[in-house]
Amino acid sequence: MRYAIPVSNGILSPHFGHCEQFAFIDVDEVSKKIKQRQFEPAPAHEPGLLPRWLAEKGVHVVIAGGMGARARDLFRQNRIKVVYNALESDPEKAIHDYLKGVLKIGTSICDH
């Protein structure tokens, strides 16, 4: 399964649509181990682009900090699960915590 995490300055970005890059992390769902990781620069910010772009990259789940309701709806339309308001800043630890069911979620920091 492929996960995507928006990253800025090496940590989970607090605002999804303005991240520097995405960490793409492929996980073996049986062993719950990371098989592969890669980072790719985020495309220029354009409303509605990221859900389509990430779907084309084969992403199944996005773990993010702040994300607006419209973006969440567009991800649902692209059959990508969204976990937002994640508090863990380390991308790989966020994946491990999510897989264990212990990822901490905070309150919304996105005001749109």
PDB file of N, CA and C in Angstrom:
ATOM      1  N   MET A   1       0.852  -1.167   0.000  1.00  0.00           N
ATOM      2  CA  MET A   1       0.000   0.000   0.000  1.00  0.00           C
ATOM      3  C   MET A   1       0.896   1.227   0.000  1.00  0.00           C
ATOM      4  N   ARG A   2       0.492   2.227  -0.737  1.00  0.00           N
ATOM      5  CA  ARG A   2       1.296   3.446  -0.853  1.00  0.00           C
ATOM      6  C   ARG A   2       0.675   4.574  -0.035  1.00  0.00           C
ATOM      7  N   TYR A   3       1.515   5.190   0.773  1.00  0.00           N
ATOM      8  CA  TYR A   3       1.149   6.332   1.602  1.00  0.00           C
ATOM      9  C   TYR A   3       1.882   7.562   1.085  1.00  0.00           C
ATOM     10  N   ALA A   4       1.259   8.732   1.248  1.00  0.00           N
ATOM     11  CA  ALA A   4       1.904   9.994   0.907  1.00  0.00           C
ATOM     12  C   ALA A   4       1.815  10.917   2.113  1.00  0.00           C
ATOM     13  N   ILE A   5       2.927  11.587   2.377  1.00  0.00           N
ATOM     14  CA  ILE A   5       2.977  12.550   3.482  1.00  0.00           C
ATOM     15  C   ILE A   5       3.571  13.842   2.950  1.00  0.00           C
ATOM     16  N   PRO A   6       2.853  14.975   3.094  1.00  0.00           N
ATOM     17  CA  PRO A   6       3.404  16.257   2.678  1.00  0.00           C
ATOM     18  C   PRO A   6       4.500  16.678   3.656  1.00  0.00           C
ATOM     19  N   VAL A   7       5.645  17.085   3.104  1.00  0.00           N
ATOM     20  CA  VAL A   7       6.807  17.386   3.928  1.00  0.00           C
ATOM     21  C   VAL A   7       7.358  18.763   3.590  1.00  0.00           C
ATOM     22  N   SER A   8       7.760  19.491   4.633  1.00  0.00           N
ATOM     23  CA  SER A   8       8.489  20.755   4.489  1.00  0.00           C
ATOM     24  C   SER A   8       9.592  20.752   5.536  1.00  0.00           C
ATOM     25  N   ASN A   9      10.784  21.130   5.125  1.00  0.00           N
ATOM     26  CA  ASN A   9      11.946  21.149   6.028  1.00  0.00           C
ATOM     27  C   ASN A   9      12.157  19.795   6.708  1.00  0.00           C
ATOM     28  N   GLY A  10      11.866  18.701   6.010  1.00  0.00           N
ATOM     29  CA  GLY A  10      12.112  17.366   6.518  1.00  0.00           C
ATOM     30  C   GLY A  10      11.068  16.795   7.467  1.00  0.00           C
ATOM     31  N   ILE A  11      10.039  17.580   7.777  1.00  0.00           N
ATOM     32  CA  ILE A  11       9.001  17.096   8.694  1.00  0.00           C
ATOM     33  C   ILE A  11       7.614  17.255   8.052  1.00  0.00           C
ATOM     34  N   LEU A  12       6.632  16.595   8.662  1.00  0.00           N
ATOM     35  CA  LEU A  12       5.266  16.692   8.166  1.00  0.00           C
ATOM     36  C   LEU A  12       4.857  18.165   8.103  1.00  0.00           C
ATOM     37  N   SER A  13       4.373  18.577   6.959  1.00  0.00           N
ATOM     38  CA  SER A  13       4.003  19.983   6.745  1.00  0.00           C
ATOM     39  C   SER A  13       2.711  20.329   7.475  1.00  0.00           C
ATOM     40  N   PRO A  14       2.685  21.455   8.189  1.00  0.00           N
ATOM     41  CA  PRO A  14       1.464  21.829   8.897  1.00  0.00           C
ATOM     42  C   PRO A  14       0.327  22.252   7.958  1.00  0.00           C
ATOM     43  N   HIS A  15       0.646  22.617   6.719  1.00  0.00           N
ATOM     44  CA  HIS A  15      -0.388  23.007   5.763  1.00  0.00           C
ATOM     45  C   HIS A  15      -0.197  22.206   4.489  1.00  0.00           C
ATOM     46  N   PHE A  16      -1.094  21.282   4.251  1.00  0.00           N
ATOM     47  CA  PHE A  16      -0.998  20.319   3.162  1.00  0.00           C
ATOM     48  C   PHE A  16      -0.683  20.948   1.808  1.00  0.00           C
ATOM     49  N   GLY A  17      -1.424  21.948   1.398  1.00  0.00           N
ATOM     50  CA  GLY A  17      -1.314  22.510   0.050  1.00  0.00           C
ATOM     51  C   GLY A  17      -0.079  23.320  -0.219  1.00  0.00           C
ATOM     52  N   HIS A  18       0.746  23.556   0.788  1.00  0.00           N
ATOM     53  CA  HIS A  18       1.935  24.393   0.590  1.00  0.00           C
ATOM     54  C   HIS A  18       3.205  23.677   1.016  1.00  0.00           C
ATOM     55  N   CYS A  19       3.239  22.353   0.892  1.00  0.00           N
ATOM     56  CA  CYS A  19       4.432  21.601   1.270  1.00  0.00           C
ATOM     57  C   CYS A  19       5.498  21.717   0.181  1.00  0.00           C
ATOM     58  N   GLU A  20       6.736  21.404   0.563  1.00  0.00           N
ATOM     59  CA  GLU A  20       7.848  21.442  -0.388  1.00  0.00           C
ATOM     60  C   GLU A  20       7.915  20.175  -1.230  1.00  0.00           C
ATOM     61  N   GLN A  21       7.610  19.045  -0.586  1.00  0.00           N
ATOM     62  CA  GLN A  21       7.723  17.760  -1.266  1.00  0.00           C
ATOM     63  C   GLN A  21       6.786  16.741  -0.632  1.00  0.00           C
ATOM     64  N   PHE A  22       6.694  15.595  -1.266  1.00  0.00           N
ATOM     65  CA  PHE A  22       5.905  14.500  -0.716  1.00  0.00           C
ATOM     66  C   PHE A  22       6.815  13.316  -0.464  1.00  0.00           C
ATOM     67  N   ALA A  23       6.632  12.698   0.688  1.00  0.00           N
ATOM     68  CA  ALA A  23       7.273  11.421   0.972  1.00  0.00           C
ATOM     69  C   ALA A  23       6.298  10.352   0.518  1.00  0.00           C
ATOM     70  N   PHE A  24       6.737   9.502  -0.409  1.00  0.00           N
ATOM     71  CA  PHE A  24       5.946   8.361  -0.841  1.00  0.00           C
ATOM     72  C   PHE A  24       6.541   7.148  -0.144  1.00  0.00           C
ATOM     73  N   ILE A  25       5.725   6.490   0.641  1.00  0.00           N
ATOM     74  CA  ILE A  25       6.198   5.369   1.447  1.00  0.00           C
ATOM     75  C   ILE A  25       5.334   4.153   1.136  1.00  0.00           C
ATOM     76  N   ASP A  26       5.991   3.119   0.606  1.00  0.00           N
ATOM     77  CA  ASP A  26       5.301   1.875   0.278  1.00  0.00           C
ATOM     78  C   ASP A  26       5.475   0.907   1.436  1.00  0.00           C
ATOM     79  N   VAL A  27       4.356   0.340   1.880  1.00  0.00           N
ATOM     80  CA  VAL A  27       4.342  -0.524   3.067  1.00  0.00           C
ATOM     81  C   VAL A  27       3.778  -1.889   2.705  1.00  0.00           C
ATOM     82  N   ASP A  28       4.442  -2.931   3.201  1.00  0.00           N
ATOM     83  CA  ASP A  28       3.894  -4.276   3.113  1.00  0.00           C
ATOM     84  C   ASP A  28       2.840  -4.375   4.203  1.00  0.00           C
ATOM     85  N   GLU A  29       1.587  -4.515   3.814  1.00  0.00           N
ATOM     86  CA  GLU A  29       0.492  -4.486   4.784  1.00  0.00           C
ATOM     87  C   GLU A  29       0.472  -5.699   5.704  1.00  0.00           C
ATOM     88  N   VAL A  30       1.055  -6.807   5.277  1.00  0.00           N
ATOM     89  CA  VAL A  30       1.084  -7.997   6.122  1.00  0.00           C
ATOM     90  C   VAL A  30       2.128  -7.848   7.222  1.00  0.00           C
ATOM     91  N   SER A  31       3.363  -7.516   6.827  1.00  0.00           N
ATOM     92  CA  SER A  31       4.439  -7.393   7.817  1.00  0.00           C
ATOM     93  C   SER A  31       4.459  -6.019   8.485  1.00  0.00           C
ATOM     94  N   LYS A  32       3.752  -5.059   7.879  1.00  0.00           N
ATOM     95  CA  LYS A  32       3.704  -3.669   8.357  1.00  0.00           C
ATOM     96  C   LYS A  32       5.092  -3.025   8.351  1.00  0.00           C
ATOM     97  N   LYS A  33       5.903  -3.426   7.380  1.00  0.00           N
ATOM     98  CA  LYS A  33       7.253  -2.874   7.238  1.00  0.00           C
ATOM     99  C   LYS A  33       7.328  -2.025   5.975  1.00  0.00           C
ATOM    100  N   ILE A  34       8.141  -0.988   6.075  1.00  0.00           N
ATOM    101  CA  ILE A  34       8.353  -0.109   4.931  1.00  0.00           C
ATOM    102  C   ILE A  34       9.218  -0.833   3.907  1.00  0.00           C
ATOM    103  N   LYS A  35       8.707  -0.907   2.675  1.00  0.00           N
ATOM    104  CA  LYS A  35       9.437  -1.562   1.594  1.00  0.00           C
ATOM    105  C   LYS A  35      10.279  -0.563   0.816  1.00  0.00           C
ATOM    106  N   GLN A  36       9.739   0.655   0.659  1.00  0.00           N
ATOM    107  CA  GLN A  36      10.423   1.655  -0.158  1.00  0.00           C
ATOM    108  C   GLN A  36       9.971   3.032   0.267  1.00  0.00           C
ATOM    109  N   ARG A  37      10.870   3.990   0.143  1.00  0.00           N
ATOM    110  CA  ARG A  37      10.533   5.382   0.400  1.00  0.00           C
ATOM    111  C   ARG A  37      11.221   6.244  -0.650  1.00  0.00           C
ATOM    112  N   GLN A  38      10.516   7.277  -1.044  1.00  0.00           N
ATOM    113  CA  GLN A  38      11.101   8.232  -1.986  1.00  0.00           C
ATOM    114  C   GLN A  38      10.467   9.589  -1.732  1.00  0.00           C
ATOM    115  N   PHE A  39      11.191  10.613  -2.077  1.00  0.00           N
ATOM    116  CA  PHE A  39      10.705  11.981  -1.935  1.00  0.00           C
ATOM    117  C   PHE A  39      10.630  12.599  -3.320  1.00  0.00           C
ATOM    118  N   GLU A  40       9.561  13.341  -3.541  1.00  0.00           N
ATOM    119  CA  GLU A  40       9.378  13.998  -4.831  1.00  0.00           C
ATOM    120  C   GLU A  40       8.887  15.415  -4.591  1.00  0.00           C
ATOM    121  N   PRO A  41       9.440  16.390  -5.321  1.00  0.00           N
ATOM    122  CA  PRO A  41       8.968  17.771  -5.153  1.00  0.00           C
ATOM    123  C   PRO A  41       7.469  17.880  -5.429  1.00  0.00           C
ATOM    124  N   ALA A  42       6.800  18.693  -4.644  1.00  0.00           N
ATOM    125  CA  ALA A  42       5.372  18.934  -4.853  1.00  0.00           C
ATOM    126  C   ALA A  42       5.180  19.785  -6.107  1.00  0.00           C
ATOM    127  N   PRO A  43       4.128  19.518  -6.863  1.00  0.00           N
ATOM    128  CA  PRO A  43       3.837  20.395  -8.000  1.00  0.00           C
ATOM    129  C   PRO A  43       3.394  21.771  -7.486  1.00  0.00           C
ATOM    130  N   ALA A  44       3.409  22.736  -8.363  1.00  0.00           N
ATOM    131  CA  ALA A  44       2.966  24.087  -7.987  1.00  0.00           C
ATOM    132  C   ALA A  44       1.547  24.019  -7.429  1.00  0.00           C
ATOM    133  N   HIS A  45       1.288  24.826  -6.411  1.00  0.00           N
ATOM    134  CA  HIS A  45      -0.021  24.816  -5.762  1.00  0.00           C
ATOM    135  C   HIS A  45      -1.096  25.290  -6.732  1.00  0.00           C
ATOM    136  N   GLU A  46      -2.089  24.444  -6.906  1.00  0.00           N
ATOM    137  CA  GLU A  46      -3.235  24.758  -7.753  1.00  0.00           C
ATOM    138  C   GLU A  46      -4.423  24.029  -7.147  1.00  0.00           C
ATOM    139  N   PRO A  47      -5.484  24.732  -6.794  1.00  0.00           N
ATOM    140  CA  PRO A  47      -6.631  24.069  -6.167  1.00  0.00           C
ATOM    141  C   PRO A  47      -7.110  22.851  -6.962  1.00  0.00           C
ATOM    142  N   GLY A  48      -7.246  21.727  -6.271  1.00  0.00           N
ATOM    143  CA  GLY A  48      -7.760  20.513  -6.874  1.00  0.00           C
ATOM    144  C   GLY A  48      -6.737  19.636  -7.573  1.00  0.00           C
ATOM    145  N   LEU A  49      -5.510  20.113  -7.753  1.00  0.00           N
ATOM    146  CA  LEU A  49      -4.497  19.350  -8.475  1.00  0.00           C
ATOM    147  C   LEU A  49      -3.949  18.166  -7.666  1.00  0.00           C
ATOM    148  N   LEU A  50      -3.641  18.377  -6.394  1.00  0.00           N
ATOM    149  CA  LEU A  50      -2.950  17.352  -5.614  1.00  0.00           C
ATOM    150  C   LEU A  50      -3.716  16.035  -5.476  1.00  0.00           C
ATOM    151  N   PRO A  51      -5.015  16.037  -5.259  1.00  0.00           N
ATOM    152  CA  PRO A  51      -5.705  14.745  -5.189  1.00  0.00           C
ATOM    153  C   PRO A  51      -5.564  13.918  -6.471  1.00  0.00           C
ATOM    154  N   ARG A  52      -5.684  14.555  -7.625  1.00  0.00           N
ATOM    155  CA  ARG A  52      -5.519  13.840  -8.898  1.00  0.00           C
ATOM    156  C   ARG A  52      -4.081  13.366  -9.081  1.00  0.00           C
ATOM    157  N   TRP A  53      -3.130  14.239  -8.774  1.00  0.00           N
ATOM    158  CA  TRP A  53      -1.710  13.922  -8.933  1.00  0.00           C
ATOM    159  C   TRP A  53      -1.317  12.742  -8.038  1.00  0.00           C
ATOM    160  N   LEU A  54      -1.773  12.759  -6.793  1.00  0.00           N
ATOM    161  CA  LEU A  54      -1.433  11.671  -5.874  1.00  0.00           C
ATOM    162  C   LEU A  54      -2.136  10.369  -6.275  1.00  0.00           C
ATOM    163  N   ALA A  55      -3.350  10.460  -6.799  1.00  0.00           N
ATOM    164  CA  ALA A  55      -4.037   9.256  -7.288  1.00  0.00           C
ATOM    165  C   ALA A  55      -3.253   8.644  -8.446  1.00  0.00           C
ATOM    166  N   GLU A  56      -2.746   9.491  -9.342  1.00  0.00           N
ATOM    167  CA  GLU A  56      -1.936   9.006 -10.458  1.00  0.00           C
ATOM    168  C   GLU A  56      -0.651   8.340  -9.984  1.00  0.00           C
ATOM    169  N   LYS A  57      -0.156   8.736  -8.818  1.00  0.00           N
ATOM    170  CA  LYS A  57       1.063   8.157  -8.236  1.00  0.00           C
ATOM    171  C   LYS A  57       0.759   6.856  -7.489  1.00  0.00           C
ATOM    172  N   GLY A  58      -0.507   6.450  -7.447  1.00  0.00           N
ATOM    173  CA  GLY A  58      -0.875   5.199  -6.809  1.00  0.00           C
ATOM    174  C   GLY A  58      -1.043   5.275  -5.303  1.00  0.00           C
ATOM    175  N   VAL A  59      -1.277   6.467  -4.782  1.00  0.00           N
ATOM    176  CA  VAL A  59      -1.424   6.653  -3.336  1.00  0.00           C
ATOM    177  C   VAL A  59      -2.782   6.142  -2.865  1.00  0.00           C
ATOM    178  N   HIS A  60      -2.773   5.435  -1.728  1.00  0.00           N
ATOM    179  CA  HIS A  60      -4.002   4.920  -1.114  1.00  0.00           C
ATOM    180  C   HIS A  60      -4.408   5.728   0.110  1.00  0.00           C
ATOM    181  N   VAL A  61      -3.398   6.242   0.846  1.00  0.00           N
ATOM    182  CA  VAL A  61      -3.651   6.964   2.098  1.00  0.00           C
ATOM    183  C   VAL A  61      -2.733   8.179   2.153  1.00  0.00           C
ATOM    184  N   VAL A  62      -3.293   9.320   2.556  1.00  0.00           N
ATOM    185  CA  VAL A  62      -2.517  10.527   2.815  1.00  0.00           C
ATOM    186  C   VAL A  62      -2.582  10.793   4.311  1.00  0.00           C
ATOM    187  N   ILE A  63      -1.434  11.006   4.913  1.00  0.00           N
ATOM    188  CA  ILE A  63      -1.371  11.425   6.317  1.00  0.00           C
ATOM    189  C   ILE A  63      -0.860  12.852   6.299  1.00  0.00           C
ATOM    190  N   ALA A  64      -1.647  13.771   6.852  1.00  0.00           N
ATOM    191  CA  ALA A  64      -1.340  15.193   6.725  1.00  0.00           C
ATOM    192  C   ALA A  64      -1.547  15.941   8.029  1.00  0.00           C
ATOM    193  N   GLY A  65      -1.028  17.154   8.048  1.00  0.00           N
ATOM    194  CA  GLY A  65      -1.322  18.086   9.136  1.00  0.00           C
ATOM    195  C   GLY A  65      -2.648  18.749   8.793  1.00  0.00           C
ATOM    196  N   GLY A  66      -2.644  20.067   8.622  1.00  0.00           N
ATOM    197  CA  GLY A  66      -3.874  20.775   8.288  1.00  0.00           C
ATOM    198  C   GLY A  66      -4.291  20.557   6.846  1.00  0.00           C
ATOM    199  N   MET A  67      -5.607  20.411   6.647  1.00  0.00           N
ATOM    200  CA  MET A  67      -6.155  20.241   5.305  1.00  0.00           C
ATOM    201  C   MET A  67      -7.595  20.727   5.298  1.00  0.00           C
ATOM    202  N   GLY A  68      -7.941  21.516   4.303  1.00  0.00           N
ATOM    203  CA  GLY A  68      -9.292  22.034   4.195  1.00  0.00           C
ATOM    204  C   GLY A  68     -10.305  20.980   3.774  1.00  0.00           C
ATOM    205  N   ALA A  69     -11.575  21.290   4.008  1.00  0.00           N
ATOM    206  CA  ALA A  69     -12.668  20.354   3.712  1.00  0.00           C
ATOM    207  C   ALA A  69     -12.769  20.048   2.214  1.00  0.00           C
ATOM    208  N   ARG A  70     -12.543  21.040   1.370  1.00  0.00           N
ATOM    209  CA  ARG A  70     -12.635  20.801  -0.077  1.00  0.00           C
ATOM    210  C   ARG A  70     -11.591  19.787  -0.519  1.00  0.00           C
ATOM    211  N   ALA A  71     -10.371  19.921  -0.034  1.00  0.00           N
ATOM    212  CA  ALA A  71      -9.318  18.961  -0.380  1.00  0.00           C
ATOM    213  C   ALA A  71      -9.695  17.557   0.088  1.00  0.00           C
ATOM    214  N   ARG A  72     -10.232  17.452   1.297  1.00  0.00           N
ATOM    215  CA  ARG A  72     -10.643  16.139   1.809  1.00  0.00           C
ATOM    216  C   ARG A  72     -11.712  15.519   0.919  1.00  0.00           C
ATOM    217  N   ASP A  73     -12.662  16.331   0.472  1.00  0.00           N
ATOM    218  CA  ASP A  73     -13.716  15.838  -0.427  1.00  0.00           C
ATOM    219  C   ASP A  73     -13.131  15.356  -1.760  1.00  0.00           C
ATOM    220  N   LEU A  74     -12.172  16.107  -2.290  1.00  0.00           N
ATOM    221  CA  LEU A  74     -11.555  15.714  -3.556  1.00  0.00           C
ATOM    222  C   LEU A  74     -10.767  14.412  -3.401  1.00  0.00           C
ATOM    223  N   PHE A  75     -10.136  14.218  -2.265  1.00  0.00           N
ATOM    224  CA  PHE A  75      -9.445  12.949  -2.030  1.00  0.00           C
ATOM    225  C   PHE A  75     -10.437  11.792  -1.984  1.00  0.00           C
ATOM    226  N   ARG A  76     -11.564  11.981  -1.312  1.00  0.00           N
ATOM    227  CA  ARG A  76     -12.591  10.931  -1.266  1.00  0.00           C
ATOM    228  C   ARG A  76     -13.066  10.585  -2.678  1.00  0.00           C
ATOM    229  N   GLN A  77     -13.240  11.611  -3.503  1.00  0.00           N
ATOM    230  CA  GLN A  77     -13.674  11.382  -4.887  1.00  0.00           C
ATOM    231  C   GLN A  77     -12.633  10.580  -5.669  1.00  0.00           C
ATOM    232  N   ASN A  78     -11.358  10.705  -5.278  1.00  0.00           N
ATOM    233  CA  ASN A  78     -10.274   9.969  -5.930  1.00  0.00           C
ATOM    234  C   ASN A  78      -9.943   8.666  -5.205  1.00  0.00           C
ATOM    235  N   ARG A  79     -10.810   8.267  -4.273  1.00  0.00           N
ATOM    236  CA  ARG A  79     -10.664   7.019  -3.501  1.00  0.00           C
ATOM    237  C   ARG A  79      -9.361   6.942  -2.724  1.00  0.00           C
ATOM    238  N   ILE A  80      -8.964   8.070  -2.153  1.00  0.00           N
ATOM    239  CA  ILE A  80      -7.780   8.126  -1.298  1.00  0.00           C
ATOM    240  C   ILE A  80      -8.248   8.460   0.107  1.00  0.00           C
ATOM    241  N   LYS A  81      -7.859   7.627   1.064  1.00  0.00           N
ATOM    242  CA  LYS A  81      -8.199   7.876   2.464  1.00  0.00           C
ATOM    243  C   LYS A  81      -7.324   9.006   2.984  1.00  0.00           C
ATOM    244  N   VAL A  82      -7.911   9.893   3.776  1.00  0.00           N
ATOM    245  CA  VAL A  82      -7.183  11.014   4.347  1.00  0.00           C
ATOM    246  C   VAL A  82      -7.198  10.925   5.867  1.00  0.00           C
ATOM    247  N   VAL A  83      -6.009  11.017   6.434  1.00  0.00           N
ATOM    248  CA  VAL A  83      -5.846  11.137   7.880  1.00  0.00           C
ATOM    249  C   VAL A  83      -5.236  12.519   8.072  1.00  0.00           C
ATOM    250  N   TYR A  84      -5.978  13.428   8.700  1.00  0.00           N
ATOM    251  CA  TYR A  84      -5.484  14.796   8.816  1.00  0.00           C
ATOM    252  C   TYR A  84      -5.431  15.232  10.274  1.00  0.00           C
ATOM    253  N   ASN A  85      -4.739  16.337  10.493  1.00  0.00           N
ATOM    254  CA  ASN A  85      -4.454  16.869  11.835  1.00  0.00           C
ATOM    255  C   ASN A  85      -3.516  15.947  12.609  1.00  0.00           C
ATOM    256  N   ALA A  86      -2.674  15.208  11.872  1.00  0.00           N
ATOM    257  CA  ALA A  86      -1.692  14.329  12.504  1.00  0.00           C
ATOM    258  C   ALA A  86      -0.674  15.179  13.259  1.00  0.00           C
ATOM    259  N   LEU A  87      -0.319  14.738  14.446  1.00  0.00           N
ATOM    260  CA  LEU A  87       0.614  15.488  15.294  1.00  0.00           C
ATOM    261  C   LEU A  87       2.059  15.010  15.185  1.00  0.00           C
ATOM    262  N   GLU A  88       2.278  13.819  14.666  1.00  0.00           N
ATOM    263  CA  GLU A  88       3.642  13.296  14.546  1.00  0.00           C
ATOM    264  C   GLU A  88       4.348  13.996  13.394  1.00  0.00           C
ATOM    265  N   SER A  89       5.520  14.571  13.640  1.00  0.00           N
ATOM    266  CA  SER A  89       6.228  15.320  12.611  1.00  0.00           C
ATOM    267  C   SER A  89       7.136  14.459  11.739  1.00  0.00           C
ATOM    268  N   ASP A  90       7.577  13.309  12.234  1.00  0.00           N
ATOM    269  CA  ASP A  90       8.459  12.438  11.467  1.00  0.00           C
ATOM    270  C   ASP A  90       7.618  11.568  10.528  1.00  0.00           C
ATOM    271  N   PRO A  91       7.833  11.671   9.212  1.00  0.00           N
ATOM    272  CA  PRO A  91       6.987  10.933   8.265  1.00  0.00           C
ATOM    273  C   PRO A  91       6.956   9.415   8.504  1.00  0.00           C
ATOM    274  N   GLU A  92       8.103   8.801   8.696  1.00  0.00           N
ATOM    275  CA  GLU A  92       8.112   7.347   8.889  1.00  0.00           C
ATOM    276  C   GLU A  92       7.469   6.942  10.207  1.00  0.00           C
ATOM    277  N   LYS A  93       7.695   7.710  11.257  1.00  0.00           N
ATOM    278  CA  LYS A  93       7.064   7.392  12.540  1.00  0.00           C
ATOM    279  C   LYS A  93       5.552   7.553  12.425  1.00  0.00           C
ATOM    280  N   ALA A  94       5.104   8.554  11.668  1.00  0.00           N
ATOM    281  CA  ALA A  94       3.664   8.741  11.454  1.00  0.00           C
ATOM    282  C   ALA A  94       3.057   7.499  10.802  1.00  0.00           C
ATOM    283  N   ILE A  95       3.751   6.933   9.822  1.00  0.00           N
ATOM    284  CA  ILE A  95       3.267   5.712   9.167  1.00  0.00           C
ATOM    285  C   ILE A  95       3.205   4.565  10.171  1.00  0.00           C
ATOM    286  N   HIS A  96       4.294   4.362  10.910  1.00  0.00           N
ATOM    287  CA  HIS A  96       4.323   3.269  11.896  1.00  0.00           C
ATOM    288  C   HIS A  96       3.223   3.441  12.942  1.00  0.00           C
ATOM    289  N   ASP A  97       3.056   4.663  13.439  1.00  0.00           N
ATOM    290  CA  ASP A  97       2.011   4.910  14.440  1.00  0.00           C
ATOM    291  C   ASP A  97       0.625   4.659  13.858  1.00  0.00           C
ATOM    292  N   TYR A  98       0.407   5.069  12.620  1.00  0.00           N
ATOM    293  CA  TYR A  98      -0.881   4.842  11.964  1.00  0.00           C
ATOM    294  C   TYR A  98      -1.155   3.339  11.854  1.00  0.00           C
ATOM    295  N   LEU A  99      -0.158   2.593  11.422  1.00  0.00           N
ATOM    296  CA  LEU A  99      -0.329   1.147  11.257  1.00  0.00           C
ATOM    297  C   LEU A  99      -0.596   0.452  12.587  1.00  0.00           C
ATOM    298  N   LYS A 100      -0.059   0.994  13.663  1.00  0.00           N
ATOM    299  CA  LYS A 100      -0.291   0.426  15.000  1.00  0.00           C
ATOM    300  C   LYS A 100      -1.595   0.924  15.607  1.00  0.00           C
ATOM    301  N   GLY A 101      -2.217   1.923  14.976  1.00  0.00           N
ATOM    302  CA  GLY A 101      -3.461   2.482  15.501  1.00  0.00           C
ATOM    303  C   GLY A 101      -3.243   3.465  16.634  1.00  0.00           C
ATOM    304  N   VAL A 102      -2.038   4.053  16.712  1.00  0.00           N
ATOM    305  CA  VAL A 102      -1.738   4.973  17.807  1.00  0.00           C
ATOM    306  C   VAL A 102      -1.330   6.373  17.334  1.00  0.00           C
ATOM    307  N   LEU A 103      -1.575   6.686  16.063  1.00  0.00           N
ATOM    308  CA  LEU A 103      -1.217   8.012  15.556  1.00  0.00           C
ATOM    309  C   LEU A 103      -2.050   9.067  16.271  1.00  0.00           C
ATOM    310  N   LYS A 104      -1.386  10.053  16.858  1.00  0.00           N
ATOM    311  CA  LYS A 104      -2.088  11.110  17.585  1.00  0.00           C
ATOM    312  C   LYS A 104      -2.608  12.155  16.607  1.00  0.00           C
ATOM    313  N   ILE A 105      -3.866  12.531  16.821  1.00  0.00           N
ATOM    314  CA  ILE A 105      -4.557  13.506  15.980  1.00  0.00           C
ATOM    315  C   ILE A 105      -4.940  14.695  16.845  1.00  0.00           C
ATOM    316  N   GLY A 106      -4.692  15.898  16.323  1.00  0.00           N
ATOM    317  CA  GLY A 106      -5.027  17.109  17.063  1.00  0.00           C
ATOM    318  C   GLY A 106      -6.262  17.789  16.490  1.00  0.00           C
ATOM    319  N   THR A 107      -6.399  19.053  16.822  1.00  0.00           N
ATOM    320  CA  THR A 107      -7.512  19.850  16.290  1.00  0.00           C
ATOM    321  C   THR A 107      -7.074  20.530  15.005  1.00  0.00           C
ATOM    322  N   SER A 108      -8.024  20.944  14.223  1.00  0.00           N
ATOM    323  CA  SER A 108      -7.744  21.530  12.929  1.00  0.00           C
ATOM    324  C   SER A 108      -6.955  22.817  13.055  1.00  0.00           C
ATOM    325  N   ILE A 109      -5.894  22.900  12.227  1.00  0.00           N
ATOM    326  CA  ILE A 109      -5.115  24.139  12.165  1.00  0.00           C
ATOM    327  C   ILE A 109      -5.354  24.842  10.824  1.00  0.00           C
ATOM    328  N   CYS A 110      -6.199  24.244   9.998  1.00  0.00           N
ATOM    329  CA  CYS A 110      -6.472  24.798   8.674  1.00  0.00           C
ATOM    330  C   CYS A 110      -7.812  25.531   8.730  1.00  0.00           C
ATOM    331  N   ASP A 111      -7.818  26.786   8.334  1.00  0.00           N
ATOM    332  CA  ASP A 111      -9.026  27.595   8.470  1.00  0.00           C
ATOM    333  C   ASP A 111      -9.835  27.735   7.185  1.00  0.00           C
ATOM    334  N   HIS A 112      -9.651  26.828   6.238  1.00  0.00           N
ATOM    335  CA  HIS A 112     -10.478  26.883   5.019  1.00  0.00           C
ATOM    336  C   HIS A 112     -10.879  25.514   4.570  1.00  0.00           C
TER     337      HIS A 112
END
